Amino acid sequence: MITERTDLVQALLTVLRGLPGLRPATPVTRSWVPWDADTMALDVDDHTVEIRVVALALPLEPLLREAASALAPSLNDSAWRNARLRLVVTDVDRGALDSLHVPET
């Protein structure tokens, strides 16, 4: 069943998938499920839109600031324009730490 909430989730996922350095945080599932497993990374209620992400790059602050700016228009064009957007980093991908590695001399 397609609802306004479903449309919002898909719009937010489309934006998130286009952002470098972040991906939706989803639980491990079988290789194929009959729905978009990335939707499990979002919770939408009347007051809050929470998006759980995995950081693929560092530092976090500019990534999250860019993500919030990119996601805001999707909320502003919906019934959730007054909802609080909460981005939750659930994990940092091991590859993101490579930029912190300083080779020993």
PDB file of N, CA and C in Angstrom:
ATOM      1  N   MET A   1       0.842  -1.181   0.000  1.00  0.00           N
ATOM      2  CA  MET A   1       0.000   0.000   0.000  1.00  0.00           C
ATOM      3  C   MET A   1       0.890   1.247   0.000  1.00  0.00           C
ATOM      4  N   ILE A   2       0.690   2.092  -0.966  1.00  0.00           N
ATOM      5  CA  ILE A   2       1.453   3.333  -1.072  1.00  0.00           C
ATOM      6  C   ILE A   2       0.726   4.411  -0.279  1.00  0.00           C
ATOM      7  N   THR A   3       1.469   5.051   0.618  1.00  0.00           N
ATOM      8  CA  THR A   3       0.919   6.133   1.419  1.00  0.00           C
ATOM      9  C   THR A   3       1.841   7.337   1.296  1.00  0.00           C
ATOM     10  N   GLU A   4       1.402   8.446   1.845  1.00  0.00           N
ATOM     11  CA  GLU A   4       2.249   9.639   1.836  1.00  0.00           C
ATOM     12  C   GLU A   4       3.545   9.368   2.611  1.00  0.00           C
ATOM     13  N   ARG A   5       3.441   8.575   3.675  1.00  0.00           N
ATOM     14  CA  ARG A   5       4.623   8.211   4.462  1.00  0.00           C
ATOM     15  C   ARG A   5       5.594   7.381   3.609  1.00  0.00           C
ATOM     16  N   THR A   6       5.046   6.426   2.852  1.00  0.00           N
ATOM     17  CA  THR A   6       5.869   5.600   1.962  1.00  0.00           C
ATOM     18  C   THR A   6       6.568   6.471   0.925  1.00  0.00           C
ATOM     19  N   ASP A   7       5.835   7.415   0.368  1.00  0.00           N
ATOM     20  CA  ASP A   7       6.427   8.335  -0.613  1.00  0.00           C
ATOM     21  C   ASP A   7       7.567   9.140   0.003  1.00  0.00           C
ATOM     22  N   LEU A   8       7.367   9.604   1.247  1.00  0.00           N
ATOM     23  CA  LEU A   8       8.416  10.365   1.924  1.00  0.00           C
ATOM     24  C   LEU A   8       9.653   9.501   2.135  1.00  0.00           C
ATOM     25  N   VAL A   9       9.465   8.280   2.608  1.00  0.00           N
ATOM     26  CA  VAL A   9      10.597   7.376   2.838  1.00  0.00           C
ATOM     27  C   VAL A   9      11.367   7.155   1.542  1.00  0.00           C
ATOM     28  N   GLN A  10      10.669   6.921   0.456  1.00  0.00           N
ATOM     29  CA  GLN A  10      11.348   6.707  -0.828  1.00  0.00           C
ATOM     30  C   GLN A  10      12.089   7.963  -1.281  1.00  0.00           C
ATOM     31  N   ALA A  11      11.488   9.128  -1.080  1.00  0.00           N
ATOM     32  CA  ALA A  11      12.150  10.385  -1.454  1.00  0.00           C
ATOM     33  C   ALA A  11      13.423  10.590  -0.632  1.00  0.00           C
ATOM     34  N   LEU A  12      13.347  10.324   0.663  1.00  0.00           N
ATOM     35  CA  LEU A  12      14.513  10.480   1.529  1.00  0.00           C
ATOM     36  C   LEU A  12      15.614   9.485   1.161  1.00  0.00           C
ATOM     37  N   LEU A  13      15.229   8.248   0.863  1.00  0.00           N
ATOM     38  CA  LEU A  13      16.219   7.249   0.460  1.00  0.00           C
ATOM     39  C   LEU A  13      16.894   7.628  -0.855  1.00  0.00           C
ATOM     40  N   THR A  14      16.138   8.179  -1.772  1.00  0.00           N
ATOM     41  CA  THR A  14      16.716   8.614  -3.047  1.00  0.00           C
ATOM     42  C   THR A  14      17.795   9.666  -2.807  1.00  0.00           C
ATOM     43  N   VAL A  15      17.504  10.624  -1.938  1.00  0.00           N
ATOM     44  CA  VAL A  15      18.490  11.658  -1.615  1.00  0.00           C
ATOM     45  C   VAL A  15      19.691  11.032  -0.911  1.00  0.00           C
ATOM     46  N   LEU A  16      19.432  10.209   0.096  1.00  0.00           N
ATOM     47  CA  LEU A  16      20.513   9.602   0.876  1.00  0.00           C
ATOM     48  C   LEU A  16      21.442   8.763   0.001  1.00  0.00           C
ATOM     49  N   ARG A  17      20.872   8.026  -0.915  1.00  0.00           N
ATOM     50  CA  ARG A  17      21.689   7.177  -1.798  1.00  0.00           C
ATOM     51  C   ARG A  17      22.597   7.999  -2.711  1.00  0.00           C
ATOM     52  N   GLY A  18      22.252   9.248  -2.926  1.00  0.00           N
ATOM     53  CA  GLY A  18      23.072  10.117  -3.767  1.00  0.00           C
ATOM     54  C   GLY A  18      24.164  10.862  -3.014  1.00  0.00           C
ATOM     55  N   LEU A  19      24.194  10.698  -1.701  1.00  0.00           N
ATOM     56  CA  LEU A  19      25.183  11.411  -0.896  1.00  0.00           C
ATOM     57  C   LEU A  19      26.436  10.565  -0.703  1.00  0.00           C
ATOM     58  N   PRO A  20      27.603  11.134  -0.959  1.00  0.00           N
ATOM     59  CA  PRO A  20      28.827  10.377  -0.697  1.00  0.00           C
ATOM     60  C   PRO A  20      29.095  10.306   0.806  1.00  0.00           C
ATOM     61  N   GLY A  21      29.623   9.183   1.249  1.00  0.00           N
ATOM     62  CA  GLY A  21      30.064   9.064   2.635  1.00  0.00           C
ATOM     63  C   GLY A  21      29.069   8.494   3.610  1.00  0.00           C
ATOM     64  N   LEU A  22      27.825   8.281   3.179  1.00  0.00           N
ATOM     65  CA  LEU A  22      26.806   7.708   4.062  1.00  0.00           C
ATOM     66  C   LEU A  22      25.986   6.691   3.290  1.00  0.00           C
ATOM     67  N   ARG A  23      25.473   5.705   4.023  1.00  0.00           N
ATOM     68  CA  ARG A  23      24.518   4.770   3.430  1.00  0.00           C
ATOM     69  C   ARG A  23      23.493   4.418   4.490  1.00  0.00           C
ATOM     70  N   PRO A  24      22.309   3.975   4.080  1.00  0.00           N
ATOM     71  CA  PRO A  24      21.306   3.569   5.066  1.00  0.00           C
ATOM     72  C   PRO A  24      21.834   2.410   5.917  1.00  0.00           C
ATOM     73  N   ALA A  25      21.560   2.461   7.206  1.00  0.00           N
ATOM     74  CA  ALA A  25      21.957   1.383   8.115  1.00  0.00           C
ATOM     75  C   ALA A  25      20.814   0.382   8.171  1.00  0.00           C
ATOM     76  N   THR A  26      21.051  -0.768   7.615  1.00  0.00           N
ATOM     77  CA  THR A  26      20.013  -1.799   7.586  1.00  0.00           C
ATOM     78  C   THR A  26      20.536  -3.066   8.228  1.00  0.00           C
ATOM     79  N   PRO A  27      19.642  -3.840   8.834  1.00  0.00           N
ATOM     80  CA  PRO A  27      20.079  -5.102   9.425  1.00  0.00           C
ATOM     81  C   PRO A  27      20.462  -6.096   8.338  1.00  0.00           C
ATOM     82  N   VAL A  28      21.236  -7.063   8.732  1.00  0.00           N
ATOM     83  CA  VAL A  28      21.613  -8.117   7.794  1.00  0.00           C
ATOM     84  C   VAL A  28      20.359  -8.913   7.454  1.00  0.00           C
ATOM     85  N   THR A  29      20.105  -9.064   6.164  1.00  0.00           N
ATOM     86  CA  THR A  29      18.946  -9.829   5.706  1.00  0.00           C
ATOM     87  C   THR A  29      19.419 -10.833   4.673  1.00  0.00           C
ATOM     88  N   ARG A  30      18.518 -11.658   4.271  1.00  0.00           N
ATOM     89  CA  ARG A  30      18.842 -12.563   3.170  1.00  0.00           C
ATOM     90  C   ARG A  30      19.234 -11.723   1.963  1.00  0.00           C
ATOM     91  N   SER A  31      19.821 -12.358   0.984  1.00  0.00           N
ATOM     92  CA  SER A  31      20.278 -11.601  -0.180  1.00  0.00           C
ATOM     93  C   SER A  31      19.123 -10.951  -0.932  1.00  0.00           C
ATOM     94  N   TRP A  32      17.939 -11.497  -0.767  1.00  0.00           N
ATOM     95  CA  TRP A  32      16.789 -10.903  -1.435  1.00  0.00           C
ATOM     96  C   TRP A  32      15.608 -10.908  -0.472  1.00  0.00           C
ATOM     97  N   VAL A  33      14.975  -9.791  -0.345  1.00  0.00           N
ATOM     98  CA  VAL A  33      13.728  -9.690   0.413  1.00  0.00           C
ATOM     99  C   VAL A  33      12.717  -9.032  -0.505  1.00  0.00           C
ATOM    100  N   PRO A  34      11.425  -9.264  -0.285  1.00  0.00           N
ATOM    101  CA  PRO A  34      10.419  -8.744  -1.220  1.00  0.00           C
ATOM    102  C   PRO A  34      10.084  -7.261  -1.043  1.00  0.00           C
ATOM    103  N   TRP A  35      10.937  -6.507  -0.393  1.00  0.00           N
ATOM    104  CA  TRP A  35      10.731  -5.075  -0.232  1.00  0.00           C
ATOM    105  C   TRP A  35      12.096  -4.408  -0.244  1.00  0.00           C
ATOM    106  N   ASP A  36      12.113  -3.100  -0.254  1.00  0.00           N
ATOM    107  CA  ASP A  36      13.363  -2.344  -0.214  1.00  0.00           C
ATOM    108  C   ASP A  36      13.875  -2.371   1.223  1.00  0.00           C
ATOM    109  N   ALA A  37      14.887  -3.175   1.499  1.00  0.00           N
ATOM    110  CA  ALA A  37      15.398  -3.341   2.863  1.00  0.00           C
ATOM    111  C   ALA A  37      15.906  -2.024   3.447  1.00  0.00           C
ATOM    112  N   ASP A  38      16.316  -1.078   2.611  1.00  0.00           N
ATOM    113  CA  ASP A  38      16.801   0.206   3.116  1.00  0.00           C
ATOM    114  C   ASP A  38      15.718   0.978   3.863  1.00  0.00           C
ATOM    115  N   THR A  39      14.449   0.674   3.600  1.00  0.00           N
ATOM    116  CA  THR A  39      13.376   1.376   4.318  1.00  0.00           C
ATOM    117  C   THR A  39      13.425   1.087   5.814  1.00  0.00           C
ATOM    118  N   MET A  40      14.102   0.014   6.197  1.00  0.00           N
ATOM    119  CA  MET A  40      14.210  -0.321   7.615  1.00  0.00           C
ATOM    120  C   MET A  40      15.118   0.654   8.359  1.00  0.00           C
ATOM    121  N   ALA A  41      15.827   1.503   7.645  1.00  0.00           N
ATOM    122  CA  ALA A  41      16.711   2.490   8.261  1.00  0.00           C
ATOM    123  C   ALA A  41      15.978   3.776   8.629  1.00  0.00           C
ATOM    124  N   LEU A  42      14.698   3.870   8.305  1.00  0.00           N
ATOM    125  CA  LEU A  42      13.942   5.093   8.568  1.00  0.00           C
ATOM    126  C   LEU A  42      12.745   4.816   9.458  1.00  0.00           C
ATOM    127  N   ASP A  43      12.515   5.736  10.385  1.00  0.00           N
ATOM    128  CA  ASP A  43      11.296   5.740  11.190  1.00  0.00           C
ATOM    129  C   ASP A  43      10.666   7.112  11.028  1.00  0.00           C
ATOM    130  N   VAL A  44       9.389   7.121  10.733  1.00  0.00           N
ATOM    131  CA  VAL A  44       8.669   8.379  10.541  1.00  0.00           C
ATOM    132  C   VAL A  44       7.468   8.380  11.469  1.00  0.00           C
ATOM    133  N   ASP A  45       7.415   9.367  12.367  1.00  0.00           N
ATOM    134  CA  ASP A  45       6.198   9.556  13.149  1.00  0.00           C
ATOM    135  C   ASP A  45       5.786  11.020  13.008  1.00  0.00           C
ATOM    136  N   ASP A  46       4.788  11.427  13.734  1.00  0.00           N
ATOM    137  CA  ASP A  46       4.250  12.776  13.548  1.00  0.00           C
ATOM    138  C   ASP A  46       5.246  13.889  13.870  1.00  0.00           C
ATOM    139  N   HIS A  47       6.196  13.606  14.773  1.00  0.00           N
ATOM    140  CA  HIS A  47       7.080  14.664  15.247  1.00  0.00           C
ATOM    141  C   HIS A  47       8.544  14.491  14.859  1.00  0.00           C
ATOM    142  N   THR A  48       8.923  13.285  14.465  1.00  0.00           N
ATOM    143  CA  THR A  48      10.334  13.004  14.198  1.00  0.00           C
ATOM    144  C   THR A  48      10.496  12.102  12.986  1.00  0.00           C
ATOM    145  N   VAL A  49      11.478  12.427  12.171  1.00  0.00           N
ATOM    146  CA  VAL A  49      11.910  11.541  11.088  1.00  0.00           C
ATOM    147  C   VAL A  49      13.335  11.138  11.443  1.00  0.00           C
ATOM    148  N   GLU A  50      13.515   9.851  11.745  1.00  0.00           N
ATOM    149  CA  GLU A  50      14.834   9.352  12.123  1.00  0.00           C
ATOM    150  C   GLU A  50      15.394   8.511  10.992  1.00  0.00           C
ATOM    151  N   ILE A  51      16.632   8.813  10.625  1.00  0.00           N
ATOM    152  CA  ILE A  51      17.320   8.060   9.578  1.00  0.00           C
ATOM    153  C   ILE A  51      18.618   7.536  10.176  1.00  0.00           C
ATOM    154  N   ARG A  52      18.741   6.216  10.187  1.00  0.00           N
ATOM    155  CA  ARG A  52      19.946   5.574  10.694  1.00  0.00           C
ATOM    156  C   ARG A  52      20.899   5.333   9.527  1.00  0.00           C
ATOM    157  N   VAL A  53      22.150   5.751   9.712  1.00  0.00           N
ATOM    158  CA  VAL A  53      23.133   5.662   8.633  1.00  0.00           C
ATOM    159  C   VAL A  53      24.422   5.012   9.118  1.00  0.00           C
ATOM    160  N   VAL A  54      25.175   4.501   8.157  1.00  0.00           N
ATOM    161  CA  VAL A  54      26.536   4.027   8.379  1.00  0.00           C
ATOM    162  C   VAL A  54      27.452   5.030   7.693  1.00  0.00           C
ATOM    163  N   ALA A  55      28.463   5.487   8.420  1.00  0.00           N
ATOM    164  CA  ALA A  55      29.427   6.423   7.844  1.00  0.00           C
ATOM    165  C   ALA A  55      30.461   5.647   7.045  1.00  0.00           C
ATOM    166  N   LEU A  56      30.631   6.045   5.798  1.00  0.00           N
ATOM    167  CA  LEU A  56      31.623   5.432   4.914  1.00  0.00           C
ATOM    168  C   LEU A  56      32.871   6.289   4.798  1.00  0.00           C
ATOM    169  N   ALA A  57      32.829   7.478   5.401  1.00  0.00           N
ATOM    170  CA  ALA A  57      33.944   8.422   5.352  1.00  0.00           C
ATOM    171  C   ALA A  57      33.932   9.240   6.636  1.00  0.00           C
ATOM    172  N   LEU A  58      35.012   9.926   6.860  1.00  0.00           N
ATOM    173  CA  LEU A  58      35.146  10.819   8.008  1.00  0.00           C
ATOM    174  C   LEU A  58      35.701  12.141   7.501  1.00  0.00           C
ATOM    175  N   PRO A  59      35.549  13.227   8.208  1.00  0.00           N
ATOM    176  CA  PRO A  59      34.905  13.409   9.498  1.00  0.00           C
ATOM    177  C   PRO A  59      33.384  13.431   9.386  1.00  0.00           C
ATOM    178  N   LEU A  60      32.739  13.127  10.498  1.00  0.00           N
ATOM    179  CA  LEU A  60      31.284  12.994  10.504  1.00  0.00           C
ATOM    180  C   LEU A  60      30.544  14.324  10.384  1.00  0.00           C
ATOM    181  N   GLU A  61      31.004  15.336  11.092  1.00  0.00           N
ATOM    182  CA  GLU A  61      30.244  16.584  11.154  1.00  0.00           C
ATOM    183  C   GLU A  61      29.889  17.153   9.781  1.00  0.00           C
ATOM    184  N   PRO A  62      30.841  17.309   8.854  1.00  0.00           N
ATOM    185  CA  PRO A  62      30.445  17.855   7.550  1.00  0.00           C
ATOM    186  C   PRO A  62      29.545  16.911   6.755  1.00  0.00           C
ATOM    187  N   LEU A  63      29.742  15.612   6.902  1.00  0.00           N
ATOM    188  CA  LEU A  63      28.863  14.652   6.211  1.00  0.00           C
ATOM    189  C   LEU A  63      27.426  14.802   6.682  1.00  0.00           C
ATOM    190  N   LEU A  64      27.249  14.888   7.996  1.00  0.00           N
ATOM    191  CA  LEU A  64      25.899  14.980   8.555  1.00  0.00           C
ATOM    192  C   LEU A  64      25.256  16.324   8.251  1.00  0.00           C
ATOM    193  N   ARG A  65      26.055  17.377   8.256  1.00  0.00           N
ATOM    194  CA  ARG A  65      25.526  18.703   7.918  1.00  0.00           C
ATOM    195  C   ARG A  65      25.050  18.725   6.462  1.00  0.00           C
ATOM    196  N   GLU A  66      25.862  18.157   5.558  1.00  0.00           N
ATOM    197  CA  GLU A  66      25.483  18.085   4.140  1.00  0.00           C
ATOM    198  C   GLU A  66      24.231  17.225   3.961  1.00  0.00           C
ATOM    199  N   ALA A  67      24.173  16.110   4.671  1.00  0.00           N
ATOM    200  CA  ALA A  67      23.010  15.223   4.566  1.00  0.00           C
ATOM    201  C   ALA A  67      21.748  15.933   5.037  1.00  0.00           C
ATOM    202  N   ALA A  68      21.825  16.614   6.166  1.00  0.00           N
ATOM    203  CA  ALA A  68      20.651  17.320   6.685  1.00  0.00           C
ATOM    204  C   ALA A  68      20.169  18.373   5.694  1.00  0.00           C
ATOM    205  N   SER A  69      21.102  19.102   5.094  1.00  0.00           N
ATOM    206  CA  SER A  69      20.728  20.122   4.103  1.00  0.00           C
ATOM    207  C   SER A  69      20.096  19.502   2.866  1.00  0.00           C
ATOM    208  N   ALA A  70      20.628  18.366   2.439  1.00  0.00           N
ATOM    209  CA  ALA A  70      20.103  17.708   1.236  1.00  0.00           C
ATOM    210  C   ALA A  70      18.745  17.061   1.487  1.00  0.00           C
ATOM    211  N   LEU A  71      18.519  16.562   2.699  1.00  0.00           N
ATOM    212  CA  LEU A  71      17.267  15.871   3.021  1.00  0.00           C
ATOM    213  C   LEU A  71      16.127  16.839   3.357  1.00  0.00           C
ATOM    214  N   ALA A  72      16.457  18.020   3.846  1.00  0.00           N
ATOM    215  CA  ALA A  72      15.444  18.979   4.298  1.00  0.00           C
ATOM    216  C   ALA A  72      14.373  19.298   3.256  1.00  0.00           C
ATOM    217  N   PRO A  73      14.708  19.515   1.984  1.00  0.00           N
ATOM    218  CA  PRO A  73      13.653  19.830   1.014  1.00  0.00           C
ATOM    219  C   PRO A  73      12.586  18.736   0.887  1.00  0.00           C
ATOM    220  N   SER A  74      12.982  17.477   1.028  1.00  0.00           N
ATOM    221  CA  SER A  74      11.989  16.397   0.953  1.00  0.00           C
ATOM    222  C   SER A  74      10.998  16.495   2.103  1.00  0.00           C
ATOM    223  N   LEU A  75      11.487  16.877   3.277  1.00  0.00           N
ATOM    224  CA  LEU A  75      10.585  17.061   4.418  1.00  0.00           C
ATOM    225  C   LEU A  75       9.716  18.294   4.222  1.00  0.00           C
ATOM    226  N   ASN A  76      10.324  19.372   3.742  1.00  0.00           N
ATOM    227  CA  ASN A  76       9.586  20.626   3.569  1.00  0.00           C
ATOM    228  C   ASN A  76       8.444  20.503   2.572  1.00  0.00           C
ATOM    229  N   ASP A  77       8.560  19.566   1.641  1.00  0.00           N
ATOM    230  CA  ASP A  77       7.518  19.360   0.634  1.00  0.00           C
ATOM    231  C   ASP A  77       6.508  18.301   1.059  1.00  0.00           C
ATOM    232  N   SER A  78       6.459  17.986   2.356  1.00  0.00           N
ATOM    233  CA  SER A  78       5.593  16.902   2.825  1.00  0.00           C
ATOM    234  C   SER A  78       4.788  17.338   4.046  1.00  0.00           C
ATOM    235  N   ALA A  79       3.966  16.428   4.522  1.00  0.00           N
ATOM    236  CA  ALA A  79       3.194  16.673   5.742  1.00  0.00           C
ATOM    237  C   ALA A  79       4.097  16.707   6.974  1.00  0.00           C
ATOM    238  N   TRP A  80       5.375  16.336   6.816  1.00  0.00           N
ATOM    239  CA  TRP A  80       6.322  16.297   7.930  1.00  0.00           C
ATOM    240  C   TRP A  80       7.240  17.512   7.925  1.00  0.00           C
ATOM    241  N   ARG A  81       6.783  18.609   7.348  1.00  0.00           N
ATOM    242  CA  ARG A  81       7.633  19.802   7.252  1.00  0.00           C
ATOM    243  C   ARG A  81       8.031  20.334   8.628  1.00  0.00           C
ATOM    244  N   ASN A  82       7.224  20.064   9.656  1.00  0.00           N
ATOM    245  CA  ASN A  82       7.547  20.539  11.005  1.00  0.00           C
ATOM    246  C   ASN A  82       8.194  19.464  11.871  1.00  0.00           C
ATOM    247  N   ALA A  83       8.406  18.294  11.313  1.00  0.00           N
ATOM    248  CA  ALA A  83       9.019  17.206  12.078  1.00  0.00           C
ATOM    249  C   ALA A  83      10.515  17.463  12.245  1.00  0.00           C
ATOM    250  N   ARG A  84      11.049  16.931  13.313  1.00  0.00           N
ATOM    251  CA  ARG A  84      12.483  17.030  13.569  1.00  0.00           C
ATOM    252  C   ARG A  84      13.193  15.933  12.782  1.00  0.00           C
ATOM    253  N   LEU A  85      14.240  16.302  12.068  1.00  0.00           N
ATOM    254  CA  LEU A  85      15.063  15.330  11.351  1.00  0.00           C
ATOM    255  C   LEU A  85      16.194  14.904  12.277  1.00  0.00           C
ATOM    256  N   ARG A  86      16.285  13.610  12.517  1.00  0.00           N
ATOM    257  CA  ARG A  86      17.339  13.068  13.376  1.00  0.00           C
ATOM    258  C   ARG A  86      18.160  12.074  12.560  1.00  0.00           C
ATOM    259  N   LEU A  87      19.439  12.379  12.386  1.00  0.00           N
ATOM    260  CA  LEU A  87      20.363  11.463  11.713  1.00  0.00           C
ATOM    261  C   LEU A  87      21.162  10.743  12.791  1.00  0.00           C
ATOM    262  N   VAL A  88      21.114   9.417  12.772  1.00  0.00           N
ATOM    263  CA  VAL A  88      21.783   8.606  13.787  1.00  0.00           C
ATOM    264  C   VAL A  88      22.846   7.759  13.095  1.00  0.00           C
ATOM    265  N   VAL A  89      24.097   7.961  13.465  1.00  0.00           N
ATOM    266  CA  VAL A  89      25.184   7.147  12.922  1.00  0.00           C
ATOM    267  C   VAL A  89      25.265   5.885  13.775  1.00  0.00           C
ATOM    268  N   THR A  90      24.907   4.765  13.174  1.00  0.00           N
ATOM    269  CA  THR A  90      24.891   3.506  13.914  1.00  0.00           C
ATOM    270  C   THR A  90      26.214   2.770  13.835  1.00  0.00           C
ATOM    271  N   ASP A  91      27.025   3.106  12.844  1.00  0.00           N
ATOM    272  CA  ASP A  91      28.290   2.404  12.661  1.00  0.00           C
ATOM    273  C   ASP A  91      29.191   3.240  11.762  1.00  0.00           C
ATOM    274  N   VAL A  92      30.477   2.992  11.884  1.00  0.00           N
ATOM    275  CA  VAL A  92      31.462   3.587  10.987  1.00  0.00           C
ATOM    276  C   VAL A  92      32.102   2.435  10.227  1.00  0.00           C
ATOM    277  N   ASP A  93      31.995   2.479   8.922  1.00  0.00           N
ATOM    278  CA  ASP A  93      32.579   1.441   8.081  1.00  0.00           C
ATOM    279  C   ASP A  93      34.096   1.428   8.261  1.00  0.00           C
ATOM    280  N   ARG A  94      34.657   0.249   8.278  1.00  0.00           N
ATOM    281  CA  ARG A  94      36.099   0.109   8.467  1.00  0.00           C
ATOM    282  C   ARG A  94      36.885   0.932   7.446  1.00  0.00           C
ATOM    283  N   GLY A  95      36.403   0.992   6.227  1.00  0.00           N
ATOM    284  CA  GLY A  95      37.079   1.762   5.188  1.00  0.00           C
ATOM    285  C   GLY A  95      37.176   3.242   5.508  1.00  0.00           C
ATOM    286  N   ALA A  96      36.239   3.768   6.305  1.00  0.00           N
ATOM    287  CA  ALA A  96      36.281   5.184   6.669  1.00  0.00           C
ATOM    288  C   ALA A  96      37.493   5.495   7.531  1.00  0.00           C
ATOM    289  N   LEU A  97      37.975   4.503   8.234  1.00  0.00           N
ATOM    290  CA  LEU A  97      39.111   4.713   9.128  1.00  0.00           C
ATOM    291  C   LEU A  97      40.440   4.773   8.385  1.00  0.00           C
ATOM    292  N   ASP A  98      40.448   4.342   7.127  1.00  0.00           N
ATOM    293  CA  ASP A  98      41.687   4.366   6.344  1.00  0.00           C
ATOM    294  C   ASP A  98      42.277   5.769   6.259  1.00  0.00           C
ATOM    295  N   SER A  99      41.415   6.773   6.211  1.00  0.00           N
ATOM    296  CA  SER A  99      41.911   8.148   6.101  1.00  0.00           C
ATOM    297  C   SER A  99      42.637   8.589   7.372  1.00  0.00           C
ATOM    298  N   LEU A 100      42.434   7.883   8.465  1.00  0.00           N
ATOM    299  CA  LEU A 100      43.086   8.233   9.722  1.00  0.00           C
ATOM    300  C   LEU A 100      44.428   7.532   9.896  1.00  0.00           C
ATOM    301  N   HIS A 101      44.690   6.576   9.034  1.00  0.00           N
ATOM    302  CA  HIS A 101      45.911   5.783   9.164  1.00  0.00           C
ATOM    303  C   HIS A 101      47.133   6.598   8.772  1.00  0.00           C
ATOM    304  N   VAL A 102      48.081   6.633   9.666  1.00  0.00           N
ATOM    305  CA  VAL A 102      49.350   7.296   9.394  1.00  0.00           C
ATOM    306  C   VAL A 102      50.406   6.198   9.344  1.00  0.00           C
ATOM    307  N   PRO A 103      50.999   5.989   8.174  1.00  0.00           N
ATOM    308  CA  PRO A 103      52.007   4.930   8.066  1.00  0.00           C
ATOM    309  C   PRO A 103      53.178   5.173   9.017  1.00  0.00           C
ATOM    310  N   GLU A 104      53.646   4.106   9.592  1.00  0.00           N
ATOM    311  CA  GLU A 104      54.811   4.212  10.473  1.00  0.00           C
ATOM    312  C   GLU A 104      56.045   4.469   9.623  1.00  0.00           C
ATOM    313  N   THR A 105      56.929   5.281  10.158  1.00  0.00           N
ATOM    314  CA  THR A 105      58.162   5.571   9.417  1.00  0.00           C
ATOM    315  C   THR A 105      59.356   4.928  10.062  1.00  0.00           C
TER     316      THR A 105
END
